[in-house]
Structures are given as structure tokens and as C-alpha cells.
Amino acid sequence: ALGGVYLASGDAAAAVRAVRKALVLEPNGYEANLFMGFYLQFAGEAGLAVEHLLLARRLNPVETYRDVAFLALAQFMNSNYLEVVRIWEEGSHKPRGIAMVVLAAAYALLDKPEEAAAVVEEFLQTRPDFDLNHFRYIESWQSEENRTRLYNAAIAAGFPALEKVEQVSGRQTHEN
């Protein structure tokens, strides 16, 4: 829970440190490994994030939406775009919210514009006023490269970005 507070305040490294303490107490804990993987990909350590998420999956044989979404997100940050698509196509869960943004971005990076556009269209049916520049979640990634890659791929997929955005110290500011 403390890791979540740190991530919400923009400090992914502190979130990782908090979960490391939980892993010392319970190295084979499902939740600790699941959230370590989730926080590591925000901290810029996508490869290690995938390892923790796969361990969490082995520790809990019941697949949850979080398992699938966290792993797909870490695979995107690890530049494994085919794996992102495979996870959603073969899994028992349907992507929603940020997972749809990531899936559409993966399709765009795989040069599959029709698939990307279909995901964007489905997403916008439930959130027609969505603007990528107000997508505050994107600011959670500590790596400028990861933020930029996801943002640019989401734009290429067809997500709207209606306002001019100026980067200031790695954070976005909005102008009308």
C-alpha cells in the first residue's frame, strides 16, 4: 500500500524500495511480487519487472485482470510489442482503460494501423472526450524515453491530443 502512495506522488523509486521491504519478509509473496513488477516498470526497470510479474503468475495460478494488465504494460516498456498483443489476444480478460492505450500503441509500433485504430475507436466510444495530453497516468514513468515512446505511439495509433503540450523538466504542462 505504501508503494502505491509513493507511485501516486510520482516517486516510482520509493515505491520499489517500499515493496523491497515486503519481499524481504515474504520473498514468495504473490502480492509483493506482483506490485514489485508493477512499480519496477514505472521506475524504468522493465526487464526486472517482467521477471517479478512472471513469478507472481507462477505463485497464483488464478489469472486476474491485474496480472494480465501489469504484465502487458511491463512488456510494452520492455519493447516486447508482440508479447503485449499476445497477452491480450490469448488471455481470458479484455483490455480496458490504460491497457487499451498501451495495446493500441503496441499495434502502432508493430505497423498494424487497422488494429490500432480499432482499439482507439472502441476506447473512444466509452470516453469520447479523452485527450492524451490530459492522460496524467503517462507522467508516472520515470524514464523520459518510455513516456515519449508511449505518447508518440498512442498518437500514431490515433488517440487525440487536442492541446499544445510543452515539456518542462520531464513533466507536461498544458496550454489552451
Protein backbone atom coordinates (compact mmCIF):
# COMPACT_ATOMS: atom_id res chain seq x y z
CA ALA A 1 0.00 0.00 0.00
CA LEU A 2 2.87 2.36 0.80
CA GLY A 3 4.30 1.70 -2.65
CA GLY A 4 1.02 2.85 -4.17
CA VAL A 5 1.18 6.10 -2.22
CA TYR A 6 4.71 6.73 -3.46
CA LEU A 7 3.77 5.97 -7.06
CA ALA A 8 0.73 8.26 -6.86
CA SER A 9 3.01 11.04 -5.66
CA GLY A 10 5.36 10.48 -8.61
CA ASP A 11 8.16 8.59 -6.87
CA ALA A 12 8.42 5.16 -8.50
CA ALA A 13 11.85 4.53 -6.94
CA ALA A 14 10.39 4.96 -3.44
CA ALA A 15 7.55 2.61 -4.40
CA VAL A 16 10.13 -0.02 -5.37
CA ARG A 17 12.02 0.50 -2.09
CA ALA A 18 8.79 0.03 -0.12
CA VAL A 19 7.96 -3.25 -1.84
CA ARG A 20 11.54 -4.50 -1.42
CA LYS A 21 10.87 -4.43 2.31
CA ALA A 22 7.78 -6.58 1.78
CA LEU A 23 9.82 -9.02 -0.32
CA VAL A 24 12.36 -9.38 2.48
CA LEU A 25 9.53 -10.52 4.74
CA GLU A 26 7.84 -12.71 2.13
CA PRO A 27 10.04 -13.35 -0.93
CA ASN A 28 7.47 -15.71 -2.46
CA GLY A 29 4.50 -13.48 -1.76
CA TYR A 30 2.16 -13.12 -4.72
CA GLU A 31 1.09 -9.52 -3.99
CA ALA A 32 4.62 -8.35 -3.20
CA ASN A 33 5.99 -9.76 -6.46
CA LEU A 34 3.01 -8.52 -8.46
CA PHE A 35 3.40 -4.95 -7.23
CA MET A 36 7.19 -5.05 -7.41
CA GLY A 37 6.77 -5.81 -11.10
CA PHE A 38 4.22 -3.06 -11.50
CA TYR A 39 6.38 -0.42 -9.79
CA LEU A 40 9.65 -1.51 -11.43
CA GLN A 41 8.33 -0.79 -14.92
CA PHE A 42 7.47 2.76 -13.81
CA ALA A 43 10.96 3.08 -12.33
CA GLY A 44 12.49 2.18 -15.71
CA GLU A 45 13.43 -1.44 -14.98
CA ALA A 46 11.04 -3.23 -17.33
CA GLY A 47 13.12 -6.41 -17.69
CA LEU A 48 13.20 -6.98 -13.94
CA ALA A 49 9.52 -6.03 -13.78
CA VAL A 50 8.65 -8.85 -16.18
CA GLU A 51 10.60 -11.32 -14.01
CA HIS A 52 8.63 -10.38 -10.89
CA LEU A 53 5.32 -10.46 -12.75
CA LEU A 54 6.03 -13.91 -14.17
CA LEU A 55 6.98 -15.12 -10.68
CA ALA A 56 3.73 -13.69 -9.30
CA ARG A 57 1.84 -15.54 -12.03
CA ARG A 58 3.52 -18.83 -11.01
CA LEU A 59 2.69 -18.17 -7.35
CA ASN A 60 -1.02 -17.65 -8.06
CA PRO A 61 -2.47 -19.96 -10.70
CA VAL A 62 -5.72 -17.97 -10.89
CA GLU A 63 -5.24 -15.35 -13.59
CA THR A 64 -6.55 -11.92 -12.59
CA TYR A 65 -7.03 -8.79 -14.66
CA ARG A 66 -4.19 -7.15 -12.73
CA ASP A 67 -1.80 -10.00 -13.63
CA VAL A 68 -2.55 -9.60 -17.32
CA ALA A 69 -2.61 -5.79 -17.39
CA PHE A 70 0.57 -5.35 -15.34
CA LEU A 71 2.46 -7.89 -17.48
CA ALA A 72 1.29 -6.36 -20.76
CA LEU A 73 2.33 -2.92 -19.52
CA ALA A 74 5.78 -4.15 -18.46
CA GLN A 75 6.22 -5.94 -21.78
CA PHE A 76 5.40 -2.70 -23.61
CA MET A 77 8.01 -0.83 -21.56
CA ASN A 78 10.43 -3.68 -22.36
CA SER A 79 9.71 -3.07 -26.11
CA ASN A 80 8.11 -6.52 -26.48
CA TYR A 81 5.14 -5.31 -28.54
CA LEU A 82 4.27 -8.73 -30.00
CA GLU A 83 4.07 -10.05 -26.45
CA VAL A 84 1.69 -7.25 -25.48
CA VAL A 85 -0.64 -8.26 -28.30
CA ARG A 86 -0.29 -11.97 -27.50
CA ILE A 87 -1.10 -11.39 -23.82
CA TRP A 88 -4.39 -9.68 -24.66
CA GLU A 89 -5.32 -11.96 -27.55
CA GLU A 90 -4.69 -15.20 -25.65
CA GLY A 91 -5.79 -14.11 -22.19
CA SER A 92 -9.19 -14.52 -20.67
CA HIS A 93 -9.55 -10.80 -19.96
CA LYS A 94 -10.38 -7.93 -22.29
CA PRO A 95 -8.24 -4.77 -22.08
CA ARG A 96 -9.82 -1.63 -20.65
CA GLY A 97 -8.65 1.85 -19.71
CA ILE A 98 -4.88 2.35 -19.90
CA ALA A 99 -4.49 -1.20 -21.19
CA MET A 100 -6.31 -0.15 -24.36
CA VAL A 101 -3.97 2.82 -24.81
CA VAL A 102 -0.96 0.51 -24.42
CA LEU A 103 -2.41 -2.14 -26.76
CA ALA A 104 -3.19 0.43 -29.47
CA ALA A 105 0.32 1.88 -29.07
CA ALA A 106 1.81 -1.62 -29.41
CA TYR A 107 -0.18 -2.17 -32.62
CA ALA A 108 1.09 1.18 -33.95
CA LEU A 109 4.69 0.22 -33.20
CA LEU A 110 4.13 -3.12 -34.94
CA ASP A 111 2.90 -1.20 -38.01
CA LYS A 112 -0.64 -2.54 -37.69
CA PRO A 113 -2.65 0.66 -38.16
CA GLU A 114 -6.03 -1.03 -38.68
CA GLU A 115 -5.77 -2.94 -35.40
CA ALA A 116 -4.56 0.18 -33.58
CA ALA A 117 -7.44 2.24 -34.99
CA ALA A 118 -9.99 -0.39 -33.94
CA VAL A 119 -8.75 -0.29 -30.32
CA VAL A 120 -8.76 3.52 -30.31
CA GLU A 121 -12.29 3.60 -31.73
CA GLU A 122 -13.55 1.16 -29.09
CA PHE A 123 -11.86 3.16 -26.32
CA LEU A 124 -13.29 6.48 -27.53
CA GLN A 125 -16.82 5.05 -27.60
CA THR A 126 -16.73 4.97 -23.80
CA ARG A 127 -14.53 8.06 -23.33
CA PRO A 128 -15.27 10.39 -26.27
CA ASP A 129 -13.70 13.42 -24.56
CA PHE A 130 -10.37 11.65 -23.95
CA ASP A 131 -7.32 13.80 -24.68
CA LEU A 132 -3.91 12.18 -24.50
CA ASN A 133 -2.47 15.41 -23.15
CA HIS A 134 -4.66 15.04 -20.07
CA PHE A 135 -3.61 11.42 -19.62
CA ARG A 136 -1.92 12.03 -16.28
CA TYR A 137 -1.01 8.35 -15.92
CA ILE A 138 1.74 8.83 -18.50
CA GLU A 139 3.61 11.11 -16.11
CA SER A 140 4.19 8.17 -13.74
CA TRP A 141 7.03 6.72 -15.83
CA GLN A 142 10.36 7.99 -14.61
CA SER A 143 12.04 7.38 -17.96
CA GLU A 144 11.59 10.19 -20.47
CA GLU A 145 12.21 7.66 -23.25
CA ASN A 146 9.37 5.43 -22.00
CA ARG A 147 6.95 8.35 -21.63
CA THR A 148 7.81 9.67 -25.09
CA ARG A 149 7.61 6.25 -26.75
CA LEU A 150 4.18 5.52 -25.28
CA TYR A 151 2.89 9.02 -26.04
CA ASN A 152 4.13 9.04 -29.65
CA ALA A 153 2.88 5.51 -30.31
CA ALA A 154 -0.54 6.40 -28.86
CA ILE A 155 -0.65 9.45 -31.17
CA ALA A 156 0.31 7.24 -34.12
CA ALA A 157 -2.47 4.82 -33.12
CA GLY A 158 -4.97 7.65 -33.41
CA PHE A 159 -5.59 8.89 -29.88
CA PRO A 160 -6.45 12.58 -29.85
CA ALA A 161 -4.08 15.14 -28.38
CA LEU A 162 -6.06 18.33 -28.57
CA GLU A 163 -3.96 20.78 -26.62
CA LYS A 164 -0.45 22.05 -27.15
CA VAL A 165 1.88 20.41 -24.62
CA GLU A 166 5.22 21.75 -23.54
CA GLN A 167 7.71 19.54 -21.69
CA VAL A 168 9.13 21.16 -18.57
CA SER A 169 11.70 19.20 -16.55
CA GLY A 170 10.29 15.91 -17.75
CA ARG A 171 6.73 16.83 -16.77
CA GLN A 172 3.97 18.07 -19.01
CA THR A 173 2.31 21.45 -18.76
CA HIS A 174 -0.82 22.26 -20.72
CA GLU A 175 -1.75 25.37 -22.64
CA ASN A 176 -5.18 26.10 -24.07
